[in-house]
Amino acid sequence: MKVRKAVILVAGFGTRFLPVTKAVPKMMLPVLDTPVLHLAVNEAVSAGIEQVIFVVSEMQESVESYFSYDTKLKKVVSKPGNEAVLEKIDSIPSVEARYVYQREQLGVGHAVLMAKEAVGDEPFTLFFPDDVIWDEIPTIGRMIEIFEEKRMPILAAKEVPNEMVSSLGIIEHSVEEGRLYQVTNLVEKPSLVDAPSNLAVIGRYVLTPEIFDALERTDPGVLGEIQLTDAIRRLLNSQSVYSYQFPGYHIDTGTPVGLLKASIHAALQKDDLAADLRKWLEGQF
């Protein structure tokens, strides 16, 4: 069965970005001039995804507004001399969208469960949009290709420095082929001494519908949250799981400094901004 759907997790308070996230959803904060969520949807659409299921919480109406077609705005800007502005509006990905609500913050696994009915009995992709990945070929597109061959869950992964191991989900694996590894275990936020590797899970997944049953059978942890990592570990008892070490450039925008780094990286890719920004950075630092 073709992978047609993407689940994108948007719900959350974004407390690290207060006070702005009191009024603006964290995923609508921009990398330079483009919302983080826009980048995730664009990656999904570029990989052939037909429907995006947004898992949202209360007071996130701006997400639906952003991805809806605005006839009035287009009419206002469709004037001679406004071609650049119109091009920016037209860059917003057009996709069939569905919105489901996570009304309680009970963990990532719980958020994924909210999409069960919308996904149905078919494989799907899952995005943590905080994780922004730049590559000529969409990372999720490469992962879908691998899934079409293996028909088993695929997790995006990258090697991380020692100081980051204790804050991420770490993969224990056997060598498979090239950038592909067979997962033998997942350890959530291990100490460096206990970590089986420095290969960390990054926020892109291709999952089978069996994940929903695994989530429903996963007990909440210490904080009362259902963890996706625990459910995937449960899947290892009944099916193979693979990790794909993607080649693209990744930045976690889930912190203010991460979002700043991503904006600087994005600006340095633009011919009209790069020279001036480099000159300023060299003069300041």
C-alpha atoms as a PDB file:
ATOM      1  CA  MET A   1       0.000   0.000   0.000  1.00  0.00           C
ATOM      2  CA  LYS A   2       1.279   3.436  -0.940  1.00  0.00           C
ATOM      3  CA  VAL A   3       2.300   5.835   1.832  1.00  0.00           C
ATOM      4  CA  ARG A   4      -0.199   8.666   1.349  1.00  0.00           C
ATOM      5  CA  LYS A   5      -0.544  10.339   4.742  1.00  0.00           C
ATOM      6  CA  ALA A   6       1.619  12.355   7.100  1.00  0.00           C
ATOM      7  CA  VAL A   7       0.909  12.989  10.759  1.00  0.00           C
ATOM      8  CA  ILE A   8       2.515  16.213  11.969  1.00  0.00           C
ATOM      9  CA  LEU A   9       2.608  16.944  15.690  1.00  0.00           C
ATOM     10  CA  VAL A  10       1.746  20.562  16.420  1.00  0.00           C
ATOM     11  CA  ALA A  11       0.115  20.397  19.871  1.00  0.00           C
ATOM     12  CA  GLY A  12       2.168  21.775  22.732  1.00  0.00           C
ATOM     13  CA  PHE A  13       2.618  24.965  24.708  1.00  0.00           C
ATOM     14  CA  GLY A  14       6.088  25.944  23.481  1.00  0.00           C
ATOM     15  CA  THR A  15       7.102  27.117  26.943  1.00  0.00           C
ATOM     16  CA  ARG A  16      10.738  27.626  25.935  1.00  0.00           C
ATOM     17  CA  PHE A  17       9.597  30.422  23.614  1.00  0.00           C
ATOM     18  CA  LEU A  18       7.360  32.332  26.001  1.00  0.00           C
ATOM     19  CA  PRO A  19       6.070  34.992  25.905  1.00  0.00           C
ATOM     20  CA  VAL A  20       5.571  34.861  22.102  1.00  0.00           C
ATOM     21  CA  THR A  21       4.020  31.363  22.241  1.00  0.00           C
ATOM     22  CA  LYS A  22       1.275  32.660  24.508  1.00  0.00           C
ATOM     23  CA  ALA A  23      -0.335  33.908  21.288  1.00  0.00           C
ATOM     24  CA  VAL A  24       1.553  32.189  18.446  1.00  0.00           C
ATOM     25  CA  PRO A  25       1.894  28.382  18.154  1.00  0.00           C
ATOM     26  CA  LYS A  26       5.547  27.367  18.409  1.00  0.00           C
ATOM     27  CA  MET A  27       5.436  25.624  15.029  1.00  0.00           C
ATOM     28  CA  MET A  28       4.386  28.892  13.401  1.00  0.00           C
ATOM     29  CA  LEU A  29       7.575  30.635  14.512  1.00  0.00           C
ATOM     30  CA  PRO A  30       9.772  31.300  11.480  1.00  0.00           C
ATOM     31  CA  VAL A  31      13.064  29.948  10.283  1.00  0.00           C
ATOM     32  CA  LEU A  32      14.111  33.288   8.789  1.00  0.00           C
ATOM     33  CA  ASP A  33      10.800  34.125   7.049  1.00  0.00           C
ATOM     34  CA  THR A  34       9.132  30.699   6.797  1.00  0.00           C
ATOM     35  CA  PRO A  35       7.261  28.954   9.627  1.00  0.00           C
ATOM     36  CA  VAL A  36       8.806  25.745  10.917  1.00  0.00           C
ATOM     37  CA  LEU A  37       5.531  23.969  10.142  1.00  0.00           C
ATOM     38  CA  HIS A  38       5.607  25.194   6.526  1.00  0.00           C
ATOM     39  CA  LEU A  39       8.995  23.499   6.062  1.00  0.00           C
ATOM     40  CA  ALA A  40       7.663  20.175   7.375  1.00  0.00           C
ATOM     41  CA  VAL A  41       4.571  20.257   5.168  1.00  0.00           C
ATOM     42  CA  ASN A  42       6.663  21.209   2.168  1.00  0.00           C
ATOM     43  CA  GLU A  43       8.950  18.217   2.778  1.00  0.00           C
ATOM     44  CA  ALA A  44       5.917  15.934   3.002  1.00  0.00           C
ATOM     45  CA  VAL A  45       4.331  17.273  -0.183  1.00  0.00           C
ATOM     46  CA  SER A  46       7.640  17.100  -2.050  1.00  0.00           C
ATOM     47  CA  ALA A  47       7.801  13.400  -1.143  1.00  0.00           C
ATOM     48  CA  GLY A  48       4.371  12.717  -2.627  1.00  0.00           C
ATOM     49  CA  ILE A  49       2.255  12.840   0.539  1.00  0.00           C
ATOM     50  CA  GLU A  50      -1.396  13.477  -0.330  1.00  0.00           C
ATOM     51  CA  GLN A  51      -2.957  14.221   3.061  1.00  0.00           C
ATOM     52  CA  VAL A  52      -1.537  15.866   6.170  1.00  0.00           C
ATOM     53  CA  ILE A  53      -3.082  15.170   9.558  1.00  0.00           C
ATOM     54  CA  PHE A  54      -2.224  17.940  12.008  1.00  0.00           C
ATOM     55  CA  VAL A  55      -2.407  17.006  15.687  1.00  0.00           C
ATOM     56  CA  VAL A  56      -3.204  20.336  17.307  1.00  0.00           C
ATOM     57  CA  SER A  57      -4.335  21.676  20.669  1.00  0.00           C
ATOM     58  CA  GLU A  58      -6.694  24.469  21.681  1.00  0.00           C
ATOM     59  CA  MET A  59      -5.896  28.018  20.527  1.00  0.00           C
ATOM     60  CA  GLN A  60      -3.990  26.905  17.419  1.00  0.00           C
ATOM     61  CA  GLU A  61      -6.471  28.153  14.829  1.00  0.00           C
ATOM     62  CA  SER A  62      -3.690  30.022  13.039  1.00  0.00           C
ATOM     63  CA  VAL A  63      -2.360  26.689  11.738  1.00  0.00           C
ATOM     64  CA  GLU A  64      -5.539  26.001   9.784  1.00  0.00           C
ATOM     65  CA  SER A  65      -5.688  29.621   8.654  1.00  0.00           C
ATOM     66  CA  TYR A  66      -2.128  29.477   7.313  1.00  0.00           C
ATOM     67  CA  PHE A  67      -2.727  26.438   5.124  1.00  0.00           C
ATOM     68  CA  SER A  68      -6.149  27.494   3.829  1.00  0.00           C
ATOM     69  CA  TYR A  69      -6.520  29.307   0.510  1.00  0.00           C
ATOM     70  CA  ASP A  70      -7.022  33.033   1.096  1.00  0.00           C
ATOM     71  CA  THR A  71      -8.832  34.496  -1.914  1.00  0.00           C
ATOM     72  CA  LYS A  72      -9.069  37.973  -0.380  1.00  0.00           C
ATOM     73  CA  LEU A  73      -5.350  38.232   0.358  1.00  0.00           C
ATOM     74  CA  LYS A  74      -4.406  37.026  -3.123  1.00  0.00           C
ATOM     75  CA  LYS A  75      -6.725  39.606  -4.661  1.00  0.00           C
ATOM     76  CA  VAL A  76      -5.105  42.389  -2.612  1.00  0.00           C
ATOM     77  CA  VAL A  77      -1.533  41.472  -3.573  1.00  0.00           C
ATOM     78  CA  SER A  78      -2.237  40.496  -7.210  1.00  0.00           C
ATOM     79  CA  LYS A  79      -1.171  43.849  -8.563  1.00  0.00           C
ATOM     80  CA  PRO A  80       1.711  44.878 -10.840  1.00  0.00           C
ATOM     81  CA  GLY A  81       4.923  45.151  -8.847  1.00  0.00           C
ATOM     82  CA  ASN A  82       3.826  42.662  -6.190  1.00  0.00           C
ATOM     83  CA  GLU A  83       5.144  39.577  -7.959  1.00  0.00           C
ATOM     84  CA  ALA A  84       7.643  38.773  -5.177  1.00  0.00           C
ATOM     85  CA  VAL A  85       4.939  38.991  -2.500  1.00  0.00           C
ATOM     86  CA  LEU A  86       2.591  36.820  -4.558  1.00  0.00           C
ATOM     87  CA  GLU A  87       5.355  34.263  -5.030  1.00  0.00           C
ATOM     88  CA  LYS A  88       5.778  33.988  -1.256  1.00  0.00           C
ATOM     89  CA  ILE A  89       2.062  33.380  -0.775  1.00  0.00           C
ATOM     90  CA  ASP A  90       2.059  30.778  -3.536  1.00  0.00           C
ATOM     91  CA  SER A  91       4.981  28.996  -1.851  1.00  0.00           C
ATOM     92  CA  ILE A  92       2.666  27.826   0.952  1.00  0.00           C
ATOM     93  CA  PRO A  93       2.190  24.103   0.274  1.00  0.00           C
ATOM     94  CA  SER A  94      -1.238  23.089  -0.959  1.00  0.00           C
ATOM     95  CA  VAL A  95      -2.357  19.792   0.544  1.00  0.00           C
ATOM     96  CA  GLU A  96      -5.470  18.047   1.774  1.00  0.00           C
ATOM     97  CA  ALA A  97      -5.469  18.800   5.494  1.00  0.00           C
ATOM     98  CA  ARG A  98      -7.230  17.253   8.458  1.00  0.00           C
ATOM     99  CA  TYR A  99      -7.089  18.490  12.055  1.00  0.00           C
ATOM    100  CA  VAL A 100      -7.373  16.328  15.163  1.00  0.00           C
ATOM    101  CA  TYR A 101      -7.107  17.586  18.727  1.00  0.00           C
ATOM    102  CA  GLN A 102      -4.933  16.492  21.618  1.00  0.00           C
ATOM    103  CA  ARG A 103      -6.895  18.025  24.478  1.00  0.00           C
ATOM    104  CA  GLU A 104      -4.545  16.766  27.198  1.00  0.00           C
ATOM    105  CA  GLN A 105      -0.755  16.901  27.087  1.00  0.00           C
ATOM    106  CA  LEU A 106      -0.081  13.229  27.829  1.00  0.00           C
ATOM    107  CA  GLY A 107       3.058  12.677  25.801  1.00  0.00           C
ATOM    108  CA  VAL A 108       4.174  12.188  22.220  1.00  0.00           C
ATOM    109  CA  GLY A 109       2.724   8.686  22.066  1.00  0.00           C
ATOM    110  CA  HIS A 110      -0.660  10.012  23.157  1.00  0.00           C
ATOM    111  CA  ALA A 111      -0.485  12.699  20.458  1.00  0.00           C
ATOM    112  CA  VAL A 112       0.162  10.058  17.801  1.00  0.00           C
ATOM    113  CA  LEU A 113      -2.786   8.021  19.109  1.00  0.00           C
ATOM    114  CA  MET A 114      -5.075  10.983  18.454  1.00  0.00           C
ATOM    115  CA  ALA A 115      -4.457  10.423  14.728  1.00  0.00           C
ATOM    116  CA  LYS A 116      -5.484   6.744  14.745  1.00  0.00           C
ATOM    117  CA  GLU A 117      -8.918   7.210  13.173  1.00  0.00           C
ATOM    118  CA  ALA A 118      -7.649   9.681  10.578  1.00  0.00           C
ATOM    119  CA  VAL A 119      -4.774   7.410   9.528  1.00  0.00           C
ATOM    120  CA  GLY A 120      -6.836   4.235   9.347  1.00  0.00           C
ATOM    121  CA  ASP A 121      -5.344   0.888   8.418  1.00  0.00           C
ATOM    122  CA  GLU A 122      -2.433   2.059   6.299  1.00  0.00           C
ATOM    123  CA  PRO A 123       1.223   3.046   6.689  1.00  0.00           C
ATOM    124  CA  PHE A 124       1.967   6.695   7.350  1.00  0.00           C
ATOM    125  CA  THR A 125       4.760   9.156   7.934  1.00  0.00           C
ATOM    126  CA  LEU A 126       5.250  11.013  11.203  1.00  0.00           C
ATOM    127  CA  PHE A 127       6.942  14.396  11.560  1.00  0.00           C
ATOM    128  CA  PHE A 128       8.321  16.231  14.554  1.00  0.00           C
ATOM    129  CA  PRO A 129       8.501  19.602  12.769  1.00  0.00           C
ATOM    130  CA  ASP A 130      11.022  20.989  15.287  1.00  0.00           C
ATOM    131  CA  ASP A 131      13.566  18.862  13.426  1.00  0.00           C
ATOM    132  CA  VAL A 132      14.382  20.783  10.253  1.00  0.00           C
ATOM    133  CA  ILE A 133      16.442  18.902   7.659  1.00  0.00           C
ATOM    134  CA  TRP A 134      17.907  20.474   4.531  1.00  0.00           C
ATOM    135  CA  ASP A 135      18.634  18.141   1.625  1.00  0.00           C
ATOM    136  CA  GLU A 136      18.195  18.179  -2.149  1.00  0.00           C
ATOM    137  CA  ILE A 137      16.015  15.079  -1.880  1.00  0.00           C
ATOM    138  CA  PRO A 138      13.418  15.155   0.935  1.00  0.00           C
ATOM    139  CA  THR A 139      14.558  12.941   3.799  1.00  0.00           C
ATOM    140  CA  ILE A 140      11.073  11.529   4.239  1.00  0.00           C
ATOM    141  CA  GLY A 141      11.019  10.713   0.524  1.00  0.00           C
ATOM    142  CA  ARG A 142      14.152   8.580   0.867  1.00  0.00           C
ATOM    143  CA  MET A 143      12.591   6.866   3.882  1.00  0.00           C
ATOM    144  CA  ILE A 144       9.395   6.080   1.976  1.00  0.00           C
ATOM    145  CA  GLU A 145      11.486   4.447  -0.750  1.00  0.00           C
ATOM    146  CA  ILE A 146      13.172   2.252   1.871  1.00  0.00           C
ATOM    147  CA  PHE A 147       9.799   1.395   3.380  1.00  0.00           C
ATOM    148  CA  GLU A 148       8.455   0.325   0.000  1.00  0.00           C
ATOM    149  CA  GLU A 149      11.252  -2.237  -0.116  1.00  0.00           C
ATOM    150  CA  LYS A 150      11.263  -3.387   3.533  1.00  0.00           C
ATOM    151  CA  ARG A 151       7.586  -2.848   4.472  1.00  0.00           C
ATOM    152  CA  MET A 152       8.747  -2.288   8.044  1.00  0.00           C
ATOM    153  CA  PRO A 153       8.965   0.866  10.220  1.00  0.00           C
ATOM    154  CA  ILE A 154      11.798   3.250   9.350  1.00  0.00           C
ATOM    155  CA  LEU A 155      13.257   5.786  11.807  1.00  0.00           C
ATOM    156  CA  ALA A 156      15.429   8.737  10.781  1.00  0.00           C
ATOM    157  CA  ALA A 157      18.730   8.850  12.667  1.00  0.00           C
ATOM    158  CA  LYS A 158      22.008  10.713  12.913  1.00  0.00           C
ATOM    159  CA  GLU A 159      25.194  10.421  14.917  1.00  0.00           C
ATOM    160  CA  VAL A 160      25.314  12.965  17.740  1.00  0.00           C
ATOM    161  CA  PRO A 161      28.163  14.171  19.970  1.00  0.00           C
ATOM    162  CA  ASN A 162      28.585  12.614  23.408  1.00  0.00           C
ATOM    163  CA  GLU A 163      27.116  15.603  25.236  1.00  0.00           C
ATOM    164  CA  MET A 164      23.765  15.165  23.429  1.00  0.00           C
ATOM    165  CA  VAL A 165      23.306  11.426  24.030  1.00  0.00           C
ATOM    166  CA  SER A 166      21.580  11.781  27.399  1.00  0.00           C
ATOM    167  CA  SER A 167      18.836  14.024  25.977  1.00  0.00           C
ATOM    168  CA  LEU A 168      17.781  11.886  22.996  1.00  0.00           C
ATOM    169  CA  GLY A 169      16.429   8.465  22.075  1.00  0.00           C
ATOM    170  CA  ILE A 170      19.437   6.291  21.209  1.00  0.00           C
ATOM    171  CA  ILE A 171      19.445   3.314  18.859  1.00  0.00           C
ATOM    172  CA  GLU A 172      21.049  -0.046  19.501  1.00  0.00           C
ATOM    173  CA  HIS A 173      21.546  -1.661  16.133  1.00  0.00           C
ATOM    174  CA  SER A 174      23.179  -4.226  13.939  1.00  0.00           C
ATOM    175  CA  VAL A 175      24.861  -3.137  10.718  1.00  0.00           C
ATOM    176  CA  GLU A 176      22.581  -3.603   7.717  1.00  0.00           C
ATOM    177  CA  GLU A 177      23.741  -1.875   4.554  1.00  0.00           C
ATOM    178  CA  GLY A 178      25.051   1.591   3.777  1.00  0.00           C
ATOM    179  CA  ARG A 179      23.062   4.109   5.788  1.00  0.00           C
ATOM    180  CA  LEU A 180      20.460   1.553   6.842  1.00  0.00           C
ATOM    181  CA  TYR A 181      20.623  -0.264  10.197  1.00  0.00           C
ATOM    182  CA  GLN A 182      18.369  -2.846  11.792  1.00  0.00           C
ATOM    183  CA  VAL A 183      17.222  -1.605  15.195  1.00  0.00           C
ATOM    184  CA  THR A 184      17.643  -4.096  18.051  1.00  0.00           C
ATOM    185  CA  ASN A 185      16.683  -1.756  20.901  1.00  0.00           C
ATOM    186  CA  LEU A 186      15.818   1.849  21.714  1.00  0.00           C
ATOM    187  CA  VAL A 187      17.015   3.557  24.880  1.00  0.00           C
ATOM    188  CA  GLU A 188      15.395   6.838  25.887  1.00  0.00           C
ATOM    189  CA  LYS A 189      17.856   9.440  27.201  1.00  0.00           C
ATOM    190  CA  PRO A 190      20.535   7.059  28.481  1.00  0.00           C
ATOM    191  CA  SER A 191      23.642   8.121  30.335  1.00  0.00           C
ATOM    192  CA  LEU A 192      26.713   8.152  28.120  1.00  0.00           C
ATOM    193  CA  VAL A 193      28.031   5.087  29.948  1.00  0.00           C
ATOM    194  CA  ASP A 194      24.823   3.117  29.302  1.00  0.00           C
ATOM    195  CA  ALA A 195      24.228   4.307  25.724  1.00  0.00           C
ATOM    196  CA  PRO A 196      24.510   1.503  23.143  1.00  0.00           C
ATOM    197  CA  SER A 197      25.670   3.934  20.424  1.00  0.00           C
ATOM    198  CA  ASN A 198      25.595   7.609  19.538  1.00  0.00           C
ATOM    199  CA  LEU A 199      23.013   7.095  16.793  1.00  0.00           C
ATOM    200  CA  ALA A 200      19.973   9.148  17.807  1.00  0.00           C
ATOM    201  CA  VAL A 201      16.403   9.106  16.539  1.00  0.00           C
ATOM    202  CA  ILE A 202      15.479  12.334  14.731  1.00  0.00           C
ATOM    203  CA  GLY A 203      11.888  13.435  14.093  1.00  0.00           C
ATOM    204  CA  ARG A 204      11.003  11.565  10.895  1.00  0.00           C
ATOM    205  CA  TYR A 205       9.305   8.164  10.868  1.00  0.00           C
ATOM    206  CA  VAL A 206       7.535   5.849   8.460  1.00  0.00           C
ATOM    207  CA  LEU A 207       5.253   3.683  10.588  1.00  0.00           C
ATOM    208  CA  THR A 208       2.774   0.874  10.096  1.00  0.00           C
ATOM    209  CA  PRO A 209      -0.700   0.972  11.688  1.00  0.00           C
ATOM    210  CA  GLU A 210       0.442  -1.623  14.228  1.00  0.00           C
ATOM    211  CA  ILE A 211       1.989   1.292  16.131  1.00  0.00           C
ATOM    212  CA  PHE A 212      -1.465   2.310  17.369  1.00  0.00           C
ATOM    213  CA  ASP A 213      -2.069  -1.053  19.049  1.00  0.00           C
ATOM    214  CA  ALA A 214       1.406  -0.855  20.575  1.00  0.00           C
ATOM    215  CA  LEU A 215       0.664   2.627  21.908  1.00  0.00           C
ATOM    216  CA  GLU A 216      -2.645   1.527  23.404  1.00  0.00           C
ATOM    217  CA  ARG A 217      -0.829  -1.276  25.244  1.00  0.00           C
ATOM    218  CA  THR A 218       1.969   1.003  26.473  1.00  0.00           C
ATOM    219  CA  ASP A 219       1.700   2.128  30.086  1.00  0.00           C
ATOM    220  CA  PRO A 220       2.310   5.797  30.891  1.00  0.00           C
ATOM    221  CA  GLY A 221       5.707   6.620  32.334  1.00  0.00           C
ATOM    222  CA  VAL A 222       6.681   8.449  35.508  1.00  0.00           C
ATOM    223  CA  LEU A 223       5.210  11.747  34.305  1.00  0.00           C
ATOM    224  CA  GLY A 224       1.968  10.102  33.193  1.00  0.00           C
ATOM    225  CA  GLU A 225       2.981  10.354  29.534  1.00  0.00           C
ATOM    226  CA  ILE A 226       2.782   7.677  26.834  1.00  0.00           C
ATOM    227  CA  GLN A 227       6.113   7.511  25.034  1.00  0.00           C
ATOM    228  CA  LEU A 228       6.438   6.685  21.339  1.00  0.00           C
ATOM    229  CA  THR A 229       9.861   5.138  22.004  1.00  0.00           C
ATOM    230  CA  ASP A 230       8.299   2.598  24.382  1.00  0.00           C
ATOM    231  CA  ALA A 231       5.713   1.604  21.776  1.00  0.00           C
ATOM    232  CA  ILE A 232       8.313   1.180  19.025  1.00  0.00           C
ATOM    233  CA  ARG A 233      10.364  -0.958  21.398  1.00  0.00           C
ATOM    234  CA  ARG A 234       7.255  -3.108  21.867  1.00  0.00           C
ATOM    235  CA  LEU A 235       6.985  -3.494  18.074  1.00  0.00           C
ATOM    236  CA  LEU A 236      10.448  -5.068  18.038  1.00  0.00           C
ATOM    237  CA  ASN A 237       8.858  -8.194  19.531  1.00  0.00           C
ATOM    238  CA  SER A 238       6.760  -8.772  16.426  1.00  0.00           C
ATOM    239  CA  GLN A 239       8.443  -7.051  13.481  1.00  0.00           C
ATOM    240  CA  SER A 240      11.713  -5.617  12.265  1.00  0.00           C
ATOM    241  CA  VAL A 241      12.419  -1.903  12.624  1.00  0.00           C
ATOM    242  CA  TYR A 242      15.091  -0.042  10.653  1.00  0.00           C
ATOM    243  CA  SER A 243      16.900   3.268  11.090  1.00  0.00           C
ATOM    244  CA  TYR A 244      18.105   5.408   8.224  1.00  0.00           C
ATOM    245  CA  GLN A 245      21.117   7.663   8.797  1.00  0.00           C
ATOM    246  CA  PHE A 246      20.097  10.556   6.576  1.00  0.00           C
ATOM    247  CA  PRO A 247      22.745  12.671   4.824  1.00  0.00           C
ATOM    248  CA  GLY A 248      20.971  16.034   5.090  1.00  0.00           C
ATOM    249  CA  TYR A 249      21.872  18.942   7.383  1.00  0.00           C
ATOM    250  CA  HIS A 250      19.747  18.970  10.545  1.00  0.00           C
ATOM    251  CA  ILE A 251      18.977  21.566  13.198  1.00  0.00           C
ATOM    252  CA  ASP A 252      16.603  21.116  16.139  1.00  0.00           C
ATOM    253  CA  THR A 253      14.565  24.331  16.235  1.00  0.00           C
ATOM    254  CA  GLY A 254      12.856  23.385  19.494  1.00  0.00           C
ATOM    255  CA  THR A 255      14.954  25.864  21.479  1.00  0.00           C
ATOM    256  CA  PRO A 256      15.485  29.594  20.888  1.00  0.00           C
ATOM    257  CA  VAL A 257      19.158  29.094  20.041  1.00  0.00           C
ATOM    258  CA  GLY A 258      18.270  26.266  17.660  1.00  0.00           C
ATOM    259  CA  LEU A 259      15.711  28.420  15.870  1.00  0.00           C
ATOM    260  CA  LEU A 260      18.268  31.231  15.637  1.00  0.00           C
ATOM    261  CA  LYS A 261      20.890  28.872  14.166  1.00  0.00           C
ATOM    262  CA  ALA A 262      18.370  27.603  11.627  1.00  0.00           C
ATOM    263  CA  SER A 263      17.474  31.149  10.587  1.00  0.00           C
ATOM    264  CA  ILE A 264      21.137  32.055  10.121  1.00  0.00           C
ATOM    265  CA  HIS A 265      21.719  28.888   8.104  1.00  0.00           C
ATOM    266  CA  ALA A 266      18.694  29.645   5.918  1.00  0.00           C
ATOM    267  CA  ALA A 267      19.829  33.234   5.367  1.00  0.00           C
ATOM    268  CA  LEU A 268      23.302  32.097   4.330  1.00  0.00           C
ATOM    269  CA  GLN A 269      21.717  30.049   1.537  1.00  0.00           C
ATOM    270  CA  LYS A 270      20.139  33.155  -0.008  1.00  0.00           C
ATOM    271  CA  ASP A 271      22.192  35.152  -2.490  1.00  0.00           C
ATOM    272  CA  ASP A 272      20.535  38.443  -1.535  1.00  0.00           C
ATOM    273  CA  LEU A 273      21.283  38.012   2.186  1.00  0.00           C
ATOM    274  CA  ALA A 274      24.418  35.895   2.544  1.00  0.00           C
ATOM    275  CA  ALA A 275      27.117  38.475   1.817  1.00  0.00           C
ATOM    276  CA  ASP A 276      25.693  41.138   4.106  1.00  0.00           C
ATOM    277  CA  LEU A 277      25.060  38.640   6.919  1.00  0.00           C
ATOM    278  CA  ARG A 278      28.560  37.153   6.697  1.00  0.00           C
ATOM    279  CA  LYS A 279      30.062  40.645   6.824  1.00  0.00           C
ATOM    280  CA  TRP A 280      28.008  41.474   9.908  1.00  0.00           C
ATOM    281  CA  LEU A 281      28.856  38.182  11.636  1.00  0.00           C
ATOM    282  CA  GLU A 282      32.582  38.627  10.965  1.00  0.00           C
ATOM    283  CA  GLY A 283      32.465  42.163  12.336  1.00  0.00           C
ATOM    284  CA  GLN A 284      30.517  41.218  15.447  1.00  0.00           C
ATOM    285  CA  PHE A 285      32.362  38.104  16.439  1.00  0.00           C
END
